[in-house]
Amino acid sequence: SRLLVTPWGAGLLLLTCGVWIAEGLTLTLIADAL
C-alpha cells in the first residue's frame, strides 16, 4: 500500500478510473445490442 502515496499511485488511480468508465460502457454496449 505504500505505492499509493507515490506518483505511481496517482497513475494507477487514473487507470482505475478508466477501468470503471469502461465498466459502464460495457453495460451500455449490451443495452444497445438489445
PDB file of all heavy atoms in Angstrom:
ATOM      1  N   SER A   1       0.806  -1.224   0.000  1.00  0.00           N
ATOM      2  CA  SER A   1       0.000   0.000   0.000  1.00  0.00           C
ATOM      3  C   SER A   1       0.836   1.269   0.000  1.00  0.00           C
ATOM      4  O   SER A   1       0.303   2.350  -0.223  1.00  0.00           O
ATOM      5  CB  SER A   1      -0.932   0.003   1.215  1.00  0.00           C
ATOM      6  OG  SER A   1      -1.841  -1.083   1.157  1.00  0.00           O
ATOM      7  N   ARG A   2       2.137   1.153   0.248  1.00  0.00           N
ATOM      8  CA  ARG A   2       2.981   2.338   0.231  1.00  0.00           C
ATOM      9  C   ARG A   2       3.028   2.976  -1.151  1.00  0.00           C
ATOM     10  O   ARG A   2       3.266   4.176  -1.283  1.00  0.00           O
ATOM     11  CB  ARG A   2       4.399   1.961   0.671  1.00  0.00           C
ATOM     12  CG  ARG A   2       4.489   1.428   2.095  1.00  0.00           C
ATOM     13  CD  ARG A   2       5.880   0.933   2.407  1.00  0.00           C
ATOM     14  NE  ARG A   2       5.956   0.324   3.734  1.00  0.00           N
ATOM     15  CZ  ARG A   2       7.018  -0.329   4.192  1.00  0.00           C
ATOM     16  NH1 ARG A   2       8.098  -0.449   3.429  1.00  0.00           N
ATOM     17  NH2 ARG A   2       7.005  -0.861   5.400  1.00  0.00           N
ATOM     18  N   LEU A   3       2.788   2.183  -2.165  1.00  0.00           N
ATOM     19  CA  LEU A   3       2.792   2.688  -3.537  1.00  0.00           C
ATOM     20  C   LEU A   3       1.770   3.792  -3.740  1.00  0.00           C
ATOM     21  O   LEU A   3       1.962   4.689  -4.579  1.00  0.00           O
ATOM     22  CB  LEU A   3       2.502   1.524  -4.493  1.00  0.00           C
ATOM     23  CG  LEU A   3       2.218   1.850  -5.962  1.00  0.00           C
ATOM     24  CD1 LEU A   3       3.469   2.407  -6.625  1.00  0.00           C
ATOM     25  CD2 LEU A   3       1.737   0.602  -6.688  1.00  0.00           C
ATOM     26  N   LEU A   4       0.685   3.773  -2.978  1.00  0.00           N
ATOM     27  CA  LEU A   4      -0.422   4.691  -3.209  1.00  0.00           C
ATOM     28  C   LEU A   4      -0.055   6.142  -2.949  1.00  0.00           C
ATOM     29  O   LEU A   4      -0.740   7.047  -3.440  1.00  0.00           O
ATOM     30  CB  LEU A   4      -1.620   4.296  -2.340  1.00  0.00           C
ATOM     31  CG  LEU A   4      -2.178   2.884  -2.576  1.00  0.00           C
ATOM     32  CD1 LEU A   4      -3.377   2.634  -1.683  1.00  0.00           C
ATOM     33  CD2 LEU A   4      -2.541   2.671  -4.041  1.00  0.00           C
ATOM     34  N   VAL A   5       0.997   6.396  -2.188  1.00  0.00           N
ATOM     35  CA  VAL A   5       1.387   7.773  -1.878  1.00  0.00           C
ATOM     36  C   VAL A   5       2.546   8.230  -2.766  1.00  0.00           C
ATOM     37  O   VAL A   5       3.205   9.219  -2.475  1.00  0.00           O
ATOM     38  CB  VAL A   5       1.776   7.910  -0.391  1.00  0.00           C
ATOM     39  CG1 VAL A   5       0.578   7.645   0.496  1.00  0.00           C
ATOM     40  CG2 VAL A   5       2.917   6.962  -0.035  1.00  0.00           C
ATOM     41  N   THR A   6       2.781   7.534  -3.883  1.00  0.00           N
ATOM     42  CA  THR A   6       3.824   7.898  -4.841  1.00  0.00           C
ATOM     43  C   THR A   6       3.177   8.341  -6.150  1.00  0.00           C
ATOM     44  O   THR A   6       1.973   8.145  -6.357  1.00  0.00           O
ATOM     45  CB  THR A   6       4.752   6.709  -5.103  1.00  0.00           C
ATOM     46  OG1 THR A   6       4.023   5.702  -5.844  1.00  0.00           O
ATOM     47  CG2 THR A   6       5.262   6.112  -3.800  1.00  0.00           C
ATOM     48  N   PRO A   7       3.941   8.930  -7.074  1.00  0.00           N
ATOM     49  CA  PRO A   7       3.389   9.260  -8.396  1.00  0.00           C
ATOM     50  C   PRO A   7       2.820   8.047  -9.116  1.00  0.00           C
ATOM     51  O   PRO A   7       1.842   8.169  -9.865  1.00  0.00           O
ATOM     52  CB  PRO A   7       4.606   9.841  -9.129  1.00  0.00           C
ATOM     53  CG  PRO A   7       5.467  10.422  -8.048  1.00  0.00           C
ATOM     54  CD  PRO A   7       5.311   9.489  -6.886  1.00  0.00           C
ATOM     55  N   TRP A   8       3.417   6.881  -8.895  1.00  0.00           N
ATOM     56  CA  TRP A   8       2.855   5.665  -9.493  1.00  0.00           C
ATOM     57  C   TRP A   8       1.439   5.418  -8.983  1.00  0.00           C
ATOM     58  O   TRP A   8       0.566   4.971  -9.730  1.00  0.00           O
ATOM     59  CB  TRP A   8       3.741   4.464  -9.175  1.00  0.00           C
ATOM     60  CG  TRP A   8       4.863   4.259 -10.153  1.00  0.00           C
ATOM     61  CD1 TRP A   8       6.164   4.644 -10.009  1.00  0.00           C
ATOM     62  CD2 TRP A   8       4.755   3.642 -11.437  1.00  0.00           C
ATOM     63  NE1 TRP A   8       6.885   4.292 -11.127  1.00  0.00           N
ATOM     64  CE2 TRP A   8       6.058   3.673 -12.016  1.00  0.00           C
ATOM     65  CE3 TRP A   8       3.721   3.065 -12.158  1.00  0.00           C
ATOM     66  CZ2 TRP A   8       6.325   3.152 -13.275  1.00  0.00           C
ATOM     67  CZ3 TRP A   8       3.987   2.531 -13.413  1.00  0.00           C
ATOM     68  CH2 TRP A   8       5.270   2.579 -13.958  1.00  0.00           C
ATOM     69  N   GLY A   9       1.209   5.716  -7.715  1.00  0.00           N
ATOM     70  CA  GLY A   9      -0.125   5.538  -7.163  1.00  0.00           C
ATOM     71  C   GLY A   9      -1.146   6.436  -7.835  1.00  0.00           C
ATOM     72  O   GLY A   9      -2.274   6.022  -8.120  1.00  0.00           O
ATOM     73  N   ALA A  10      -0.744   7.691  -8.130  1.00  0.00           N
ATOM     74  CA  ALA A  10      -1.637   8.607  -8.833  1.00  0.00           C
ATOM     75  C   ALA A  10      -1.946   8.085 -10.237  1.00  0.00           C
ATOM     76  O   ALA A  10      -3.088   8.157 -10.718  1.00  0.00           O
ATOM     77  CB  ALA A  10      -1.014  10.000  -8.905  1.00  0.00           C
ATOM     78  N   GLY A  11      -0.934   7.548 -10.897  1.00  0.00           N
ATOM     79  CA  GLY A  11      -1.153   6.995 -12.231  1.00  0.00           C
ATOM     80  C   GLY A  11      -2.082   5.799 -12.201  1.00  0.00           C
ATOM     81  O   GLY A  11      -2.959   5.652 -13.071  1.00  0.00           O
ATOM     82  N   LEU A  12      -1.918   4.932 -11.195  1.00  0.00           N
ATOM     83  CA  LEU A  12      -2.800   3.772 -11.084  1.00  0.00           C
ATOM     84  C   LEU A  12      -4.228   4.192 -10.754  1.00  0.00           C
ATOM     85  O   LEU A  12      -5.190   3.535 -11.161  1.00  0.00           O
ATOM     86  CB  LEU A  12      -2.279   2.817 -10.012  1.00  0.00           C
ATOM     87  CG  LEU A  12      -0.987   2.072 -10.340  1.00  0.00           C
ATOM     88  CD1 LEU A  12      -0.609   1.127  -9.202  1.00  0.00           C
ATOM     89  CD2 LEU A  12      -1.110   1.295 -11.647  1.00  0.00           C
ATOM     90  N   LEU A  13      -4.385   5.298 -10.025  1.00  0.00           N
ATOM     91  CA  LEU A  13      -5.723   5.801  -9.741  1.00  0.00           C
ATOM     92  C   LEU A  13      -6.409   6.247 -11.031  1.00  0.00           C
ATOM     93  O   LEU A  13      -7.595   5.968 -11.245  1.00  0.00           O
ATOM     94  CB  LEU A  13      -5.657   6.955  -8.746  1.00  0.00           C
ATOM     95  CG  LEU A  13      -6.997   7.606  -8.381  1.00  0.00           C
ATOM     96  CD1 LEU A  13      -7.954   6.585  -7.787  1.00  0.00           C
ATOM     97  CD2 LEU A  13      -6.779   8.760  -7.402  1.00  0.00           C
ATOM     98  N   LEU A  14      -5.667   6.936 -11.902  1.00  0.00           N
ATOM     99  CA  LEU A  14      -6.224   7.332 -13.197  1.00  0.00           C
ATOM    100  C   LEU A  14      -6.587   6.108 -14.030  1.00  0.00           C
ATOM    101  O   LEU A  14      -7.632   6.077 -14.693  1.00  0.00           O
ATOM    102  CB  LEU A  14      -5.227   8.217 -13.947  1.00  0.00           C
ATOM    103  CG  LEU A  14      -4.991   9.618 -13.369  1.00  0.00           C
ATOM    104  CD1 LEU A  14      -3.910  10.338 -14.164  1.00  0.00           C
ATOM    105  CD2 LEU A  14      -6.288  10.424 -13.382  1.00  0.00           C
ATOM    106  N   LEU A  15      -5.709   5.108 -14.011  1.00  0.00           N
ATOM    107  CA  LEU A  15      -6.003   3.869 -14.740  1.00  0.00           C
ATOM    108  C   LEU A  15      -7.267   3.220 -14.199  1.00  0.00           C
ATOM    109  O   LEU A  15      -8.123   2.748 -14.966  1.00  0.00           O
ATOM    110  CB  LEU A  15      -4.822   2.910 -14.620  1.00  0.00           C
ATOM    111  CG  LEU A  15      -5.033   1.505 -15.209  1.00  0.00           C
ATOM    112  CD1 LEU A  15      -5.184   1.578 -16.720  1.00  0.00           C
ATOM    113  CD2 LEU A  15      -3.891   0.573 -14.824  1.00  0.00           C
ATOM    114  N   THR A  16      -7.407   3.194 -12.878  1.00  0.00           N
ATOM    115  CA  THR A  16      -8.583   2.588 -12.263  1.00  0.00           C
ATOM    116  C   THR A  16      -9.857   3.340 -12.633  1.00  0.00           C
ATOM    117  O   THR A  16     -10.909   2.730 -12.874  1.00  0.00           O
ATOM    118  CB  THR A  16      -8.412   2.544 -10.739  1.00  0.00           C
ATOM    119  OG1 THR A  16      -7.192   1.860 -10.412  1.00  0.00           O
ATOM    120  CG2 THR A  16      -9.574   1.827 -10.077  1.00  0.00           C
ATOM    121  N   CYS A  17      -9.769   4.672 -12.692  1.00  0.00           N
ATOM    122  CA  CYS A  17     -10.922   5.455 -13.150  1.00  0.00           C
ATOM    123  C   CYS A  17     -11.307   5.065 -14.570  1.00  0.00           C
ATOM    124  O   CYS A  17     -12.491   4.912 -14.897  1.00  0.00           O
ATOM    125  CB  CYS A  17     -10.603   6.949 -13.085  1.00  0.00           C
ATOM    126  SG  CYS A  17     -10.534   7.645 -11.412  1.00  0.00           S
ATOM    127  N   GLY A  18     -10.292   4.880 -15.430  1.00  0.00           N
ATOM    128  CA  GLY A  18     -10.564   4.454 -16.801  1.00  0.00           C
ATOM    129  C   GLY A  18     -11.232   3.097 -16.855  1.00  0.00           C
ATOM    130  O   GLY A  18     -12.142   2.862 -17.676  1.00  0.00           O
ATOM    131  N   VAL A  19     -10.809   2.183 -15.982  1.00  0.00           N
ATOM    132  CA  VAL A  19     -11.410   0.846 -15.947  1.00  0.00           C
ATOM    133  C   VAL A  19     -12.882   0.933 -15.549  1.00  0.00           C
ATOM    134  O   VAL A  19     -13.749   0.280 -16.152  1.00  0.00           O
ATOM    135  CB  VAL A  19     -10.637  -0.061 -14.974  1.00  0.00           C
ATOM    136  CG1 VAL A  19     -11.409  -1.355 -14.712  1.00  0.00           C
ATOM    137  CG2 VAL A  19      -9.260  -0.394 -15.537  1.00  0.00           C
ATOM    138  N   TRP A  20     -13.194   1.760 -14.540  1.00  0.00           N
ATOM    139  CA  TRP A  20     -14.589   1.879 -14.118  1.00  0.00           C
ATOM    140  C   TRP A  20     -15.441   2.577 -15.175  1.00  0.00           C
ATOM    141  O   TRP A  20     -16.626   2.252 -15.344  1.00  0.00           O
ATOM    142  CB  TRP A  20     -14.681   2.620 -12.784  1.00  0.00           C
ATOM    143  CG  TRP A  20     -14.385   1.729 -11.624  1.00  0.00           C
ATOM    144  CD1 TRP A  20     -13.222   1.642 -10.918  1.00  0.00           C
ATOM    145  CD2 TRP A  20     -15.271   0.764 -11.050  1.00  0.00           C
ATOM    146  NE1 TRP A  20     -13.329   0.695  -9.936  1.00  0.00           N
ATOM    147  CE2 TRP A  20     -14.580   0.134  -9.990  1.00  0.00           C
ATOM    148  CE3 TRP A  20     -16.577   0.368 -11.329  1.00  0.00           C
ATOM    149  CZ2 TRP A  20     -15.151  -0.868  -9.213  1.00  0.00           C
ATOM    150  CZ3 TRP A  20     -17.151  -0.627 -10.543  1.00  0.00           C
ATOM    151  CH2 TRP A  20     -16.439  -1.231  -9.508  1.00  0.00           C
ATOM    152  N   ILE A  21     -14.853   3.530 -15.886  1.00  0.00           N
ATOM    153  CA  ILE A  21     -15.582   4.147 -17.004  1.00  0.00           C
ATOM    154  C   ILE A  21     -15.918   3.086 -18.045  1.00  0.00           C
ATOM    155  O   ILE A  21     -17.031   3.028 -18.583  1.00  0.00           O
ATOM    156  CB  ILE A  21     -14.746   5.284 -17.626  1.00  0.00           C
ATOM    157  CG1 ILE A  21     -14.676   6.465 -16.658  1.00  0.00           C
ATOM    158  CG2 ILE A  21     -15.339   5.733 -18.963  1.00  0.00           C
ATOM    159  CD1 ILE A  21     -13.707   7.554 -17.089  1.00  0.00           C
ATOM    160  N   ALA A  22     -14.946   2.217 -18.321  1.00  0.00           N
ATOM    161  CA  ALA A  22     -15.174   1.137 -19.282  1.00  0.00           C
ATOM    162  C   ALA A  22     -16.220   0.150 -18.790  1.00  0.00           C
ATOM    163  O   ALA A  22     -16.955  -0.431 -19.595  1.00  0.00           O
ATOM    164  CB  ALA A  22     -13.855   0.415 -19.567  1.00  0.00           C
ATOM    165  N   GLU A  23     -16.304  -0.056 -17.462  1.00  0.00           N
ATOM    166  CA  GLU A  23     -17.336  -0.942 -16.912  1.00  0.00           C
ATOM    167  C   GLU A  23     -18.728  -0.441 -17.295  1.00  0.00           C
ATOM    168  O   GLU A  23     -19.604  -1.213 -17.694  1.00  0.00           O
ATOM    169  CB  GLU A  23     -17.211  -1.009 -15.388  1.00  0.00           C
ATOM    170  CG  GLU A  23     -15.950  -1.651 -14.872  1.00  0.00           C
ATOM    171  CD  GLU A  23     -15.973  -3.155 -14.938  1.00  0.00           C
ATOM    172  OE1 GLU A  23     -17.024  -3.728 -15.314  1.00  0.00           O
ATOM    173  OE2 GLU A  23     -14.943  -3.765 -14.615  1.00  0.00           O
ATOM    174  N   GLY A  24     -18.922   0.876 -17.144  1.00  0.00           N
ATOM    175  CA  GLY A  24     -20.209   1.437 -17.539  1.00  0.00           C
ATOM    176  C   GLY A  24     -20.457   1.319 -19.032  1.00  0.00           C
ATOM    177  O   GLY A  24     -21.579   1.024 -19.471  1.00  0.00           O
ATOM    178  N   LEU A  25     -19.417   1.528 -19.831  1.00  0.00           N
ATOM    179  CA  LEU A  25     -19.552   1.401 -21.283  1.00  0.00           C
ATOM    180  C   LEU A  25     -19.906  -0.028 -21.696  1.00  0.00           C
ATOM    181  O   LEU A  25     -20.639  -0.238 -22.662  1.00  0.00           O
ATOM    182  CB  LEU A  25     -18.255   1.842 -21.967  1.00  0.00           C
ATOM    183  CG  LEU A  25     -17.940   3.334 -21.939  1.00  0.00           C
ATOM    184  CD1 LEU A  25     -16.563   3.600 -22.538  1.00  0.00           C
ATOM    185  CD2 LEU A  25     -19.011   4.128 -22.693  1.00  0.00           C
ATOM    186  N   THR A  26     -19.371  -1.000 -20.967  1.00  0.00           N
ATOM    187  CA  THR A  26     -19.689  -2.398 -21.276  1.00  0.00           C
ATOM    188  C   THR A  26     -21.181  -2.653 -21.162  1.00  0.00           C
ATOM    189  O   THR A  26     -21.797  -3.253 -22.049  1.00  0.00           O
ATOM    190  CB  THR A  26     -18.919  -3.334 -20.327  1.00  0.00           C
ATOM    191  OG1 THR A  26     -17.508  -3.153 -20.508  1.00  0.00           O
ATOM    192  CG2 THR A  26     -19.271  -4.787 -20.597  1.00  0.00           C
ATOM    193  N   LEU A  27     -21.778  -2.191 -20.068  1.00  0.00           N
ATOM    194  CA  LEU A  27     -23.218  -2.377 -19.901  1.00  0.00           C
ATOM    195  C   LEU A  27     -23.999  -1.570 -20.920  1.00  0.00           C
ATOM    196  O   LEU A  27     -25.054  -2.020 -21.408  1.00  0.00           O
ATOM    197  CB  LEU A  27     -23.628  -1.991 -18.484  1.00  0.00           C
ATOM    198  CG  LEU A  27     -25.097  -2.233 -18.113  1.00  0.00           C
ATOM    199  CD1 LEU A  27     -25.478  -3.691 -18.346  1.00  0.00           C
ATOM    200  CD2 LEU A  27     -25.356  -1.841 -16.663  1.00  0.00           C
ATOM    201  N   THR A  28     -23.508  -0.392 -21.285  1.00  0.00           N
ATOM    202  CA  THR A  28     -24.182   0.415 -22.307  1.00  0.00           C
ATOM    203  C   THR A  28     -24.188  -0.299 -23.652  1.00  0.00           C
ATOM    204  O   THR A  28     -25.199  -0.296 -24.370  1.00  0.00           O
ATOM    205  CB  THR A  28     -23.480   1.783 -22.444  1.00  0.00           C
ATOM    206  OG1 THR A  28     -23.514   2.458 -21.191  1.00  0.00           O
ATOM    207  CG2 THR A  28     -24.182   2.648 -23.480  1.00  0.00           C
ATOM    208  N   LEU A  29     -23.068  -0.920 -24.015  1.00  0.00           N
ATOM    209  CA  LEU A  29     -22.998  -1.679 -25.272  1.00  0.00           C
ATOM    210  C   LEU A  29     -23.983  -2.833 -25.263  1.00  0.00           C
ATOM    211  O   LEU A  29     -24.641  -3.119 -26.281  1.00  0.00           O
ATOM    212  CB  LEU A  29     -21.577  -2.199 -25.487  1.00  0.00           C
ATOM    213  CG  LEU A  29     -20.513  -1.172 -25.887  1.00  0.00           C
ATOM    214  CD1 LEU A  29     -19.126  -1.809 -25.869  1.00  0.00           C
ATOM    215  CD2 LEU A  29     -20.823  -0.606 -27.277  1.00  0.00           C
ATOM    216  N   ILE A  30     -24.101  -3.506 -24.130  1.00  0.00           N
ATOM    217  CA  ILE A  30     -25.043  -4.624 -24.027  1.00  0.00           C
ATOM    218  C   ILE A  30     -26.475  -4.129 -24.228  1.00  0.00           C
ATOM    219  O   ILE A  30     -27.266  -4.743 -24.956  1.00  0.00           O
ATOM    220  CB  ILE A  30     -24.886  -5.319 -22.668  1.00  0.00           C
ATOM    221  CG1 ILE A  30     -23.509  -5.998 -22.577  1.00  0.00           C
ATOM    222  CG2 ILE A  30     -26.001  -6.336 -22.438  1.00  0.00           C
ATOM    223  CD1 ILE A  30     -23.171  -6.504 -21.187  1.00  0.00           C
ATOM    224  N   ALA A  31     -26.810  -3.026 -23.588  1.00  0.00           N
ATOM    225  CA  ALA A  31     -28.156  -2.470 -23.745  1.00  0.00           C
ATOM    226  C   ALA A  31     -28.412  -2.048 -25.189  1.00  0.00           C
ATOM    227  O   ALA A  31     -29.492  -2.312 -25.739  1.00  0.00           O
ATOM    228  CB  ALA A  31     -28.336  -1.281 -22.804  1.00  0.00           C
ATOM    229  N   ASP A  32     -27.429  -1.410 -25.826  1.00  0.00           N
ATOM    230  CA  ASP A  32     -27.586  -1.003 -27.224  1.00  0.00           C
ATOM    231  C   ASP A  32     -27.807  -2.213 -28.130  1.00  0.00           C
ATOM    232  O   ASP A  32     -28.586  -2.148 -29.096  1.00  0.00           O
ATOM    233  CB  ASP A  32     -26.349  -0.228 -27.697  1.00  0.00           C
ATOM    234  CG  ASP A  32     -26.276   1.163 -27.092  1.00  0.00           C
ATOM    235  OD1 ASP A  32     -27.302   1.634 -26.566  1.00  0.00           O
ATOM    236  OD2 ASP A  32     -25.189   1.779 -27.140  1.00  0.00           O
ATOM    237  N   ALA A  33     -27.125  -3.318 -27.827  1.00  0.00           N
ATOM    238  CA  ALA A  33     -27.287  -4.530 -28.638  1.00  0.00           C
ATOM    239  C   ALA A  33     -28.707  -5.068 -28.563  1.00  0.00           C
ATOM    240  O   ALA A  33     -29.181  -5.735 -29.492  1.00  0.00           O
ATOM    241  CB  ALA A  33     -26.301  -5.598 -28.177  1.00  0.00           C
ATOM    242  N   LEU A  34     -29.406  -4.761 -27.477  1.00  0.00           N
ATOM    243  CA  LEU A  34     -30.776  -5.234 -27.278  1.00  0.00           C
ATOM    244  C   LEU A  34     -31.801  -4.142 -27.564  1.00  0.00           C
ATOM    245  O   LEU A  34     -32.984  -4.294 -27.246  1.00  0.00           O
ATOM    246  CB  LEU A  34     -30.939  -5.723 -25.839  1.00  0.00           C
ATOM    247  CG  LEU A  34     -30.056  -6.920 -25.451  1.00  0.00           C
ATOM    248  CD1 LEU A  34     -30.059  -7.123 -23.942  1.00  0.00           C
ATOM    249  CD2 LEU A  34     -30.533  -8.177 -26.159  1.00  0.00           C
TER     250      LEU A  34
END
